[in-house]
């Protein structure tokens, strides 16, 4: 149950970060949700998988912004 709450917090947090960077919050929130779901399937660490997914989505957002310019 706590893991589902953490997933929601990660998705909403990435939505807010993307909106503040003038990017599509829905897109980046969806990417984070997808990474969280994939983390549940492939990462055996119970609560760290959401943090890993959020960090990976954040790094993808930074890489996207750097490559776009």
PDB file of N, CA and C in Angstrom:
ATOM      1  N   UNK A   1       0.817  -1.196   0.000  1.00  0.00           N
ATOM      2  CA  UNK A   1       0.000   0.000   0.000  1.00  0.00           C
ATOM      3  C   UNK A   1       0.862   1.261   0.000  1.00  0.00           C
ATOM      4  N   UNK A   2       1.904   1.242   0.803  1.00  0.00           N
ATOM      5  CA  UNK A   2       2.800   2.394   0.870  1.00  0.00           C
ATOM      6  C   UNK A   2       3.522   2.606  -0.464  1.00  0.00           C
ATOM      7  N   UNK A   3       3.784   1.517  -1.142  1.00  0.00           N
ATOM      8  CA  UNK A   3       4.464   1.609  -2.429  1.00  0.00           C
ATOM      9  C   UNK A   3       3.578   2.293  -3.483  1.00  0.00           C
ATOM     10  N   UNK A   4       2.286   2.063  -3.444  1.00  0.00           N
ATOM     11  CA  UNK A   4       1.365   2.718  -4.372  1.00  0.00           C
ATOM     12  C   UNK A   4       1.302   4.215  -4.082  1.00  0.00           C
ATOM     13  N   UNK A   5       1.323   4.578  -2.799  1.00  0.00           N
ATOM     14  CA  UNK A   5       1.341   5.991  -2.435  1.00  0.00           C
ATOM     15  C   UNK A   5       2.633   6.648  -2.914  1.00  0.00           C
ATOM     16  N   UNK A   6       3.750   5.943  -2.739  1.00  0.00           N
ATOM     17  CA  UNK A   6       5.032   6.469  -3.211  1.00  0.00           C
ATOM     18  C   UNK A   6       5.029   6.650  -4.724  1.00  0.00           C
ATOM     19  N   UNK A   7       4.412   5.725  -5.442  1.00  0.00           N
ATOM     20  CA  UNK A   7       4.317   5.839  -6.899  1.00  0.00           C
ATOM     21  C   UNK A   7       3.522   7.090  -7.276  1.00  0.00           C
ATOM     22  N   UNK A   8       2.416   7.329  -6.598  1.00  0.00           N
ATOM     23  CA  UNK A   8       1.625   8.531  -6.854  1.00  0.00           C
ATOM     24  C   UNK A   8       2.394   9.803  -6.559  1.00  0.00           C
ATOM     25  N   UNK A   9       3.144   9.808  -5.484  1.00  0.00           N
ATOM     26  CA  UNK A   9       3.959  10.979  -5.132  1.00  0.00           C
ATOM     27  C   UNK A   9       5.023  11.225  -6.195  1.00  0.00           C
ATOM     28  N   UNK A  10       5.643  10.164  -6.694  1.00  0.00           N
ATOM     29  CA  UNK A  10       6.654  10.311  -7.743  1.00  0.00           C
ATOM     30  C   UNK A  10       6.051  10.862  -9.032  1.00  0.00           C
ATOM     31  N   UNK A  11       4.896  10.366  -9.406  1.00  0.00           N
ATOM     32  CA  UNK A  11       4.240  10.824 -10.641  1.00  0.00           C
ATOM     33  C   UNK A  11       3.837  12.287 -10.515  1.00  0.00           C
ATOM     34  N   UNK A  12       3.229  12.655  -9.399  1.00  0.00           N
ATOM     35  CA  UNK A  12       2.815  14.043  -9.199  1.00  0.00           C
ATOM     36  C   UNK A  12       4.041  14.957  -9.094  1.00  0.00           C
ATOM     37  N   UNK A  13       5.085  14.485  -8.435  1.00  0.00           N
ATOM     38  CA  UNK A  13       6.309  15.280  -8.335  1.00  0.00           C
ATOM     39  C   UNK A  13       6.939  15.537  -9.689  1.00  0.00           C
ATOM     40  N   UNK A  14       6.988  14.517 -10.529  1.00  0.00           N
ATOM     41  CA  UNK A  14       7.557  14.699 -11.868  1.00  0.00           C
ATOM     42  C   UNK A  14       6.658  15.582 -12.715  1.00  0.00           C
ATOM     43  N   UNK A  15       5.348  15.491 -12.534  1.00  0.00           N
ATOM     44  CA  UNK A  15       4.413  16.376 -13.217  1.00  0.00           C
ATOM     45  C   UNK A  15       4.724  17.826 -12.875  1.00  0.00           C
ATOM     46  N   UNK A  16       4.928  18.097 -11.589  1.00  0.00           N
ATOM     47  CA  UNK A  16       5.220  19.468 -11.141  1.00  0.00           C
ATOM     48  C   UNK A  16       6.563  19.960 -11.672  1.00  0.00           C
ATOM     49  N   UNK A  17       7.577  19.093 -11.647  1.00  0.00           N
ATOM     50  CA  UNK A  17       8.892  19.477 -12.157  1.00  0.00           C
ATOM     51  C   UNK A  17       8.806  19.817 -13.639  1.00  0.00           C
ATOM     52  N   UNK A  18       8.121  18.991 -14.405  1.00  0.00           N
ATOM     53  CA  UNK A  18       7.997  19.235 -15.847  1.00  0.00           C
ATOM     54  C   UNK A  18       7.212  20.504 -16.122  1.00  0.00           C
ATOM     55  N   UNK A  19       6.138  20.739 -15.390  1.00  0.00           N
ATOM     56  CA  UNK A  19       5.348  21.956 -15.587  1.00  0.00           C
ATOM     57  C   UNK A  19       6.170  23.201 -15.261  1.00  0.00           C
ATOM     58  N   UNK A  20       7.013  23.133 -14.247  1.00  0.00           N
ATOM     59  CA  UNK A  20       7.857  24.278 -13.894  1.00  0.00           C
ATOM     60  C   UNK A  20       8.958  24.524 -14.919  1.00  0.00           C
ATOM     61  N   UNK A  21       9.325  23.496 -15.674  1.00  0.00           N
ATOM     62  CA  UNK A  21      10.324  23.639 -16.736  1.00  0.00           C
ATOM     63  C   UNK A  21       9.687  23.915 -18.088  1.00  0.00           C
ATOM     64  N   UNK A  22       8.408  24.252 -18.097  1.00  0.00           N
ATOM     65  CA  UNK A  22       7.653  24.537 -19.321  1.00  0.00           C
ATOM     66  C   UNK A  22       7.643  23.348 -20.281  1.00  0.00           C
ATOM     67  N   UNK A  23       7.513  22.168 -19.739  1.00  0.00           N
ATOM     68  CA  UNK A  23       7.373  20.938 -20.515  1.00  0.00           C
ATOM     69  C   UNK A  23       5.986  20.362 -20.261  1.00  0.00           C
ATOM     70  N   UNK A  24       5.645  19.305 -20.954  1.00  0.00           N
ATOM     71  CA  UNK A  24       4.354  18.658 -20.786  1.00  0.00           C
ATOM     72  C   UNK A  24       4.367  17.810 -19.505  1.00  0.00           C
ATOM     73  N   UNK A  25       3.606  18.251 -18.528  1.00  0.00           N
ATOM     74  CA  UNK A  25       3.547  17.523 -17.264  1.00  0.00           C
ATOM     75  C   UNK A  25       2.887  16.172 -17.410  1.00  0.00           C
ATOM     76  N   UNK A  26       1.875  16.088 -18.260  1.00  0.00           N
ATOM     77  CA  UNK A  26       1.168  14.821 -18.462  1.00  0.00           C
ATOM     78  C   UNK A  26       2.107  13.791 -19.098  1.00  0.00           C
ATOM     79  N   UNK A  27       2.898  14.223 -20.063  1.00  0.00           N
ATOM     80  CA  UNK A  27       3.840  13.316 -20.724  1.00  0.00           C
ATOM     81  C   UNK A  27       4.864  12.787 -19.728  1.00  0.00           C
ATOM     82  N   UNK A  28       5.483  13.682 -18.964  1.00  0.00           N
ATOM     83  CA  UNK A  28       6.535  13.255 -18.043  1.00  0.00           C
ATOM     84  C   UNK A  28       5.971  12.523 -16.832  1.00  0.00           C
ATOM     85  N   UNK A  29       4.761  12.850 -16.435  1.00  0.00           N
ATOM     86  CA  UNK A  29       4.107  12.058 -15.390  1.00  0.00           C
ATOM     87  C   UNK A  29       3.809  10.651 -15.878  1.00  0.00           C
ATOM     88  N   UNK A  30       3.402  10.539 -17.137  1.00  0.00           N
ATOM     89  CA  UNK A  30       3.162   9.219 -17.735  1.00  0.00           C
ATOM     90  C   UNK A  30       4.432   8.405 -17.871  1.00  0.00           C
ATOM     91  N   UNK A  31       5.515   9.073 -18.251  1.00  0.00           N
ATOM     92  CA  UNK A  31       6.811   8.380 -18.343  1.00  0.00           C
ATOM     93  C   UNK A  31       7.213   7.857 -16.971  1.00  0.00           C
ATOM     94  N   UNK A  32       7.017   8.671 -15.948  1.00  0.00           N
ATOM     95  CA  UNK A  32       7.365   8.250 -14.590  1.00  0.00           C
ATOM     96  C   UNK A  32       6.483   7.089 -14.134  1.00  0.00           C
ATOM     97  N   UNK A  33       5.203   7.146 -14.452  1.00  0.00           N
ATOM     98  CA  UNK A  33       4.303   6.038 -14.095  1.00  0.00           C
ATOM     99  C   UNK A  33       4.731   4.748 -14.797  1.00  0.00           C
ATOM    100  N   UNK A  34       5.092   4.862 -16.074  1.00  0.00           N
ATOM    101  CA  UNK A  34       5.555   3.688 -16.817  1.00  0.00           C
ATOM    102  C   UNK A  34       6.835   3.117 -16.211  1.00  0.00           C
ATOM    103  N   UNK A  35       7.766   3.996 -15.842  1.00  0.00           N
ATOM    104  CA  UNK A  35       9.005   3.528 -15.218  1.00  0.00           C
ATOM    105  C   UNK A  35       8.745   2.893 -13.862  1.00  0.00           C
ATOM    106  N   UNK A  36       7.784   3.421 -13.111  1.00  0.00           N
ATOM    107  CA  UNK A  36       7.428   2.810 -11.821  1.00  0.00           C
ATOM    108  C   UNK A  36       6.839   1.422 -12.021  1.00  0.00           C
ATOM    109  N   UNK A  37       5.980   1.278 -13.017  1.00  0.00           N
ATOM    110  CA  UNK A  37       5.373  -0.033 -13.288  1.00  0.00           C
ATOM    111  C   UNK A  37       6.432  -1.024 -13.764  1.00  0.00           C
ATOM    112  N   UNK A  38       7.336  -0.577 -14.632  1.00  0.00           N
ATOM    113  CA  UNK A  38       8.425  -1.453 -15.064  1.00  0.00           C
ATOM    114  C   UNK A  38       9.343  -1.804 -13.905  1.00  0.00           C
ATOM    115  N   UNK A  39       9.534  -0.869 -12.993  1.00  0.00           N
ATOM    116  CA  UNK A  39      10.355  -1.136 -11.813  1.00  0.00           C
ATOM    117  C   UNK A  39       9.760  -2.220 -10.937  1.00  0.00           C
ATOM    118  N   UNK A  40       8.449  -2.243 -10.840  1.00  0.00           N
ATOM    119  CA  UNK A  40       7.783  -3.286 -10.047  1.00  0.00           C
ATOM    120  C   UNK A  40       8.058  -4.660 -10.655  1.00  0.00           C
ATOM    121  N   UNK A  41       8.142  -4.712 -11.976  1.00  0.00           N
ATOM    122  CA  UNK A  41       8.366  -5.999 -12.631  1.00  0.00           C
ATOM    123  C   UNK A  41       9.825  -6.440 -12.593  1.00  0.00           C
ATOM    124  N   UNK A  42      10.773  -5.491 -12.622  1.00  0.00           N
ATOM    125  CA  UNK A  42      12.169  -5.870 -12.832  1.00  0.00           C
ATOM    126  C   UNK A  42      13.122  -5.560 -11.680  1.00  0.00           C
ATOM    127  N   UNK A  43      12.781  -4.670 -10.767  1.00  0.00           N
ATOM    128  CA  UNK A  43      13.688  -4.299  -9.675  1.00  0.00           C
ATOM    129  C   UNK A  43      13.207  -4.974  -8.396  1.00  0.00           C
ATOM    130  N   UNK A  44      14.066  -5.778  -7.773  1.00  0.00           N
ATOM    131  CA  UNK A  44      13.624  -6.524  -6.598  1.00  0.00           C
ATOM    132  C   UNK A  44      13.657  -5.734  -5.283  1.00  0.00           C
ATOM    133  N   UNK A  45      14.065  -4.480  -5.305  1.00  0.00           N
ATOM    134  CA  UNK A  45      14.144  -3.682  -4.081  1.00  0.00           C
ATOM    135  C   UNK A  45      12.802  -2.991  -3.827  1.00  0.00           C
ATOM    136  N   UNK A  46      12.120  -3.324  -2.740  1.00  0.00           N
ATOM    137  CA  UNK A  46      10.725  -2.905  -2.558  1.00  0.00           C
ATOM    138  C   UNK A  46      10.450  -1.407  -2.643  1.00  0.00           C
ATOM    139  N   UNK A  47      11.097  -0.561  -1.878  1.00  0.00           N
ATOM    140  CA  UNK A  47      10.727   0.852  -1.895  1.00  0.00           C
ATOM    141  C   UNK A  47      11.697   1.694  -2.711  1.00  0.00           C
ATOM    142  N   UNK A  48      12.829   1.147  -3.021  1.00  0.00           N
ATOM    143  CA  UNK A  48      13.821   1.888  -3.799  1.00  0.00           C
ATOM    144  C   UNK A  48      13.439   1.978  -5.268  1.00  0.00           C
ATOM    145  N   UNK A  49      12.586   1.075  -5.744  1.00  0.00           N
ATOM    146  CA  UNK A  49      12.254   1.084  -7.171  1.00  0.00           C
ATOM    147  C   UNK A  49      11.523   2.350  -7.596  1.00  0.00           C
ATOM    148  N   UNK A  50      10.705   2.941  -6.722  1.00  0.00           N
ATOM    149  CA  UNK A  50      10.052   4.202  -7.074  1.00  0.00           C
ATOM    150  C   UNK A  50      11.058   5.345  -7.119  1.00  0.00           C
ATOM    151  N   UNK A  51      11.984   5.349  -6.183  1.00  0.00           N
ATOM    152  CA  UNK A  51      13.015   6.381  -6.190  1.00  0.00           C
ATOM    153  C   UNK A  51      13.916   6.255  -7.412  1.00  0.00           C
ATOM    154  N   UNK A  52      14.218   5.029  -7.796  1.00  0.00           N
ATOM    155  CA  UNK A  52      15.019   4.802  -9.004  1.00  0.00           C
ATOM    156  C   UNK A  52      14.254   5.277 -10.228  1.00  0.00           C
ATOM    157  N   UNK A  53      12.973   4.983 -10.297  1.00  0.00           N
ATOM    158  CA  UNK A  53      12.153   5.408 -11.437  1.00  0.00           C
ATOM    159  C   UNK A  53      12.067   6.926 -11.502  1.00  0.00           C
ATOM    160  N   UNK A  54      11.892   7.604 -10.360  1.00  0.00           N
ATOM    161  CA  UNK A  54      11.829   9.062 -10.348  1.00  0.00           C
ATOM    162  C   UNK A  54      13.163   9.656 -10.785  1.00  0.00           C
ATOM    163  N   UNK A  55      14.252   9.111 -10.266  1.00  0.00           N
ATOM    164  CA  UNK A  55      15.575   9.602 -10.655  1.00  0.00           C
ATOM    165  C   UNK A  55      15.847   9.402 -12.131  1.00  0.00           C
ATOM    166  N   UNK A  56      15.455   8.264 -12.658  1.00  0.00           N
ATOM    167  CA  UNK A  56      15.657   7.996 -14.081  1.00  0.00           C
ATOM    168  C   UNK A  56      14.805   8.926 -14.945  1.00  0.00           C
ATOM    169  N   UNK A  57      13.568   9.170 -14.542  1.00  0.00           N
ATOM    170  CA  UNK A  57      12.704  10.093 -15.287  1.00  0.00           C
ATOM    171  C   UNK A  57      13.270  11.510 -15.232  1.00  0.00           C
ATOM    172  N   UNK A  58      13.798  11.915 -14.089  1.00  0.00           N
ATOM    173  CA  UNK A  58      14.395  13.243 -13.953  1.00  0.00           C
ATOM    174  C   UNK A  58      15.619  13.376 -14.852  1.00  0.00           C
ATOM    175  N   UNK A  59      16.452  12.342 -14.899  1.00  0.00           N
ATOM    176  CA  UNK A  59      17.623  12.366 -15.780  1.00  0.00           C
ATOM    177  C   UNK A  59      17.214  12.376 -17.253  1.00  0.00           C
ATOM    178  N   UNK A  60      16.155  11.659 -17.591  1.00  0.00           N
ATOM    179  CA  UNK A  60      15.646  11.688 -18.964  1.00  0.00           C
ATOM    180  C   UNK A  60      15.139  13.081 -19.337  1.00  0.00           C
ATOM    181  N   UNK A  61      14.483  13.757 -18.405  1.00  0.00           N
ATOM    182  CA  UNK A  61      14.009  15.119 -18.657  1.00  0.00           C
ATOM    183  C   UNK A  61      15.183  16.060 -18.883  1.00  0.00           C
ATOM    184  N   UNK A  62      16.212  15.941 -18.079  1.00  0.00           N
ATOM    185  CA  UNK A  62      17.401  16.783 -18.245  1.00  0.00           C
ATOM    186  C   UNK A  62      18.070  16.491 -19.586  1.00  0.00           C
ATOM    187  N   UNK A  63      18.218  15.216 -19.929  1.00  0.00           N
ATOM    188  CA  UNK A  63      18.843  14.852 -21.208  1.00  0.00           C
ATOM    189  C   UNK A  63      18.016  15.365 -22.382  1.00  0.00           C
ATOM    190  N   UNK A  64      16.700  15.282 -22.271  1.00  0.00           N
ATOM    191  CA  UNK A  64      15.822  15.788 -23.334  1.00  0.00           C
ATOM    192  C   UNK A  64      16.003  17.288 -23.521  1.00  0.00           C
ATOM    193  N   UNK A  65      16.067  18.018 -22.408  1.00  0.00           N
ATOM    194  CA  UNK A  65      16.229  19.474 -22.509  1.00  0.00           C
ATOM    195  C   UNK A  65      17.586  19.843 -23.076  1.00  0.00           C
ATOM    196  N   UNK A  66      18.635  19.095 -22.727  1.00  0.00           N
ATOM    197  CA  UNK A  66      19.979  19.379 -23.246  1.00  0.00           C
ATOM    198  C   UNK A  66      20.058  19.060 -24.735  1.00  0.00           C
ATOM    199  N   UNK A  67      19.517  17.928 -25.136  1.00  0.00           N
ATOM    200  CA  UNK A  67      19.589  17.526 -26.546  1.00  0.00           C
ATOM    201  C   UNK A  67      18.696  18.368 -27.451  1.00  0.00           C
ATOM    202  N   UNK A  68      17.620  18.913 -26.881  1.00  0.00           N
ATOM    203  CA  UNK A  68      16.720  19.738 -27.678  1.00  0.00           C
ATOM    204  C   UNK A  68      17.336  21.078 -28.040  1.00  0.00           C
ATOM    205  N   UNK A  69      18.213  21.592 -27.204  1.00  0.00           N
ATOM    206  CA  UNK A  69      18.838  22.888 -27.493  1.00  0.00           C
ATOM    207  C   UNK A  69      19.997  22.757 -28.390  1.00  0.00           C
TER     208      UNK A  69
END
